[in-house]
Amino acid sequence: MLSAESKIAVPTKESLAPMLDQTGLVVEEWLGNWRGEPYAPTSPKIIPIGRLRQPGRCFALSVFPFLDVTD
């Protein structure tokens, strides 16, 4: 049987915020799960809700631990 081991780096909210800003995304709210609860450092997910600096467009991006199946 073959096996492999890998590590997945999960960014923090503090490291994501400037990256999103640099790409032209304006975060209006940070959620901690898909039920819409506010983000906290212990949240299973990091979901920034916001918009592009261009009017009329929006985005949602989920960053979460790979094996998280809580939602």
C-alpha atoms as a PDB file:
ATOM      1  CA  MET A   1       0.000   0.000   0.000  1.00  0.00           C
ATOM      2  CA  LEU A   2       1.295   3.440  -0.913  1.00  0.00           C
ATOM      3  CA  SER A   3       0.747   6.384   1.370  1.00  0.00           C
ATOM      4  CA  ALA A   4       1.694  10.023   1.502  1.00  0.00           C
ATOM      5  CA  GLU A   5       1.647  12.733   4.094  1.00  0.00           C
ATOM      6  CA  SER A   6       1.150  16.430   3.481  1.00  0.00           C
ATOM      7  CA  LYS A   7       0.517  19.613   5.390  1.00  0.00           C
ATOM      8  CA  ILE A   8      -2.043  22.205   4.383  1.00  0.00           C
ATOM      9  CA  ALA A   9      -1.442  25.811   5.367  1.00  0.00           C
ATOM     10  CA  VAL A  10      -4.623  27.592   6.403  1.00  0.00           C
ATOM     11  CA  PRO A  11      -4.228  31.381   6.419  1.00  0.00           C
ATOM     12  CA  THR A  12      -5.480  33.543   9.268  1.00  0.00           C
ATOM     13  CA  LYS A  13      -8.010  36.329   8.896  1.00  0.00           C
ATOM     14  CA  GLU A  14      -5.209  38.798   9.630  1.00  0.00           C
ATOM     15  CA  SER A  15      -3.114  37.451   6.747  1.00  0.00           C
ATOM     16  CA  LEU A  16      -6.077  37.256   4.341  1.00  0.00           C
ATOM     17  CA  ALA A  17      -7.317  40.823   4.881  1.00  0.00           C
ATOM     18  CA  PRO A  18      -4.370  42.625   3.231  1.00  0.00           C
ATOM     19  CA  MET A  19      -4.223  40.087   0.379  1.00  0.00           C
ATOM     20  CA  LEU A  20      -7.901  40.617  -0.421  1.00  0.00           C
ATOM     21  CA  ASP A  21      -7.444  44.387  -0.226  1.00  0.00           C
ATOM     22  CA  GLN A  22      -4.487  44.264  -2.629  1.00  0.00           C
ATOM     23  CA  THR A  23      -6.589  42.375  -5.179  1.00  0.00           C
ATOM     24  CA  GLY A  24      -9.356  44.977  -5.144  1.00  0.00           C
ATOM     25  CA  LEU A  25     -11.821  43.174  -2.878  1.00  0.00           C
ATOM     26  CA  VAL A  26     -13.580  45.111  -0.108  1.00  0.00           C
ATOM     27  CA  VAL A  27     -14.603  42.891   2.824  1.00  0.00           C
ATOM     28  CA  GLU A  28     -17.790  44.113   4.477  1.00  0.00           C
ATOM     29  CA  GLU A  29     -18.338  41.207   6.876  1.00  0.00           C
ATOM     30  CA  TRP A  30     -16.371  38.191   8.150  1.00  0.00           C
ATOM     31  CA  LEU A  31     -18.374  35.018   8.857  1.00  0.00           C
ATOM     32  CA  GLY A  32     -17.229  31.938  10.748  1.00  0.00           C
ATOM     33  CA  ASN A  33     -19.465  29.316   9.100  1.00  0.00           C
ATOM     34  CA  TRP A  34     -22.098  28.921   6.376  1.00  0.00           C
ATOM     35  CA  ARG A  35     -24.898  29.512   8.916  1.00  0.00           C
ATOM     36  CA  GLY A  36     -23.891  33.189   8.968  1.00  0.00           C
ATOM     37  CA  GLU A  37     -22.419  33.357  12.449  1.00  0.00           C
ATOM     38  CA  PRO A  38     -19.780  36.071  12.951  1.00  0.00           C
ATOM     39  CA  TYR A  39     -16.133  35.075  12.600  1.00  0.00           C
ATOM     40  CA  ALA A  40     -14.172  34.307  15.778  1.00  0.00           C
ATOM     41  CA  PRO A  41     -10.631  32.908  16.071  1.00  0.00           C
ATOM     42  CA  THR A  42     -12.183  29.524  16.969  1.00  0.00           C
ATOM     43  CA  SER A  43     -14.545  29.461  13.950  1.00  0.00           C
ATOM     44  CA  PRO A  44     -14.322  26.427  11.646  1.00  0.00           C
ATOM     45  CA  LYS A  45     -14.224  28.662   8.560  1.00  0.00           C
ATOM     46  CA  ILE A  46     -13.114  32.117   7.462  1.00  0.00           C
ATOM     47  CA  ILE A  47     -15.691  33.533   5.053  1.00  0.00           C
ATOM     48  CA  PRO A  48     -15.174  37.119   3.922  1.00  0.00           C
ATOM     49  CA  ILE A  49     -18.311  38.664   2.439  1.00  0.00           C
ATOM     50  CA  GLY A  50     -17.872  41.755   0.358  1.00  0.00           C
ATOM     51  CA  ARG A  51     -17.581  43.268  -3.055  1.00  0.00           C
ATOM     52  CA  LEU A  52     -15.176  44.254  -5.730  1.00  0.00           C
ATOM     53  CA  ARG A  53     -14.199  47.899  -5.725  1.00  0.00           C
ATOM     54  CA  GLN A  54     -16.062  48.005  -9.039  1.00  0.00           C
ATOM     55  CA  PRO A  55     -19.787  48.625  -8.423  1.00  0.00           C
ATOM     56  CA  GLY A  56     -22.277  45.824  -8.964  1.00  0.00           C
ATOM     57  CA  ARG A  57     -20.124  42.773  -8.235  1.00  0.00           C
ATOM     58  CA  CYS A  58     -19.841  40.683  -5.063  1.00  0.00           C
ATOM     59  CA  PHE A  59     -17.967  37.638  -3.756  1.00  0.00           C
ATOM     60  CA  ALA A  60     -17.849  35.043  -0.983  1.00  0.00           C
ATOM     61  CA  LEU A  61     -14.665  33.107  -0.337  1.00  0.00           C
ATOM     62  CA  SER A  62     -14.395  30.222   2.110  1.00  0.00           C
ATOM     63  CA  VAL A  63     -11.085  29.306   3.666  1.00  0.00           C
ATOM     64  CA  PHE A  64     -11.333  26.325   5.997  1.00  0.00           C
ATOM     65  CA  PRO A  65      -9.435  23.329   7.352  1.00  0.00           C
ATOM     66  CA  PHE A  66      -9.374  20.627   4.680  1.00  0.00           C
ATOM     67  CA  LEU A  67     -11.044  17.929   6.771  1.00  0.00           C
ATOM     68  CA  ASP A  68     -13.678  20.157   8.384  1.00  0.00           C
ATOM     69  CA  VAL A  69     -17.132  18.683   7.781  1.00  0.00           C
ATOM     70  CA  THR A  70     -19.098  20.557  10.458  1.00  0.00           C
ATOM     71  CA  ASP A  71     -21.320  22.502   8.045  1.00  0.00           C
END
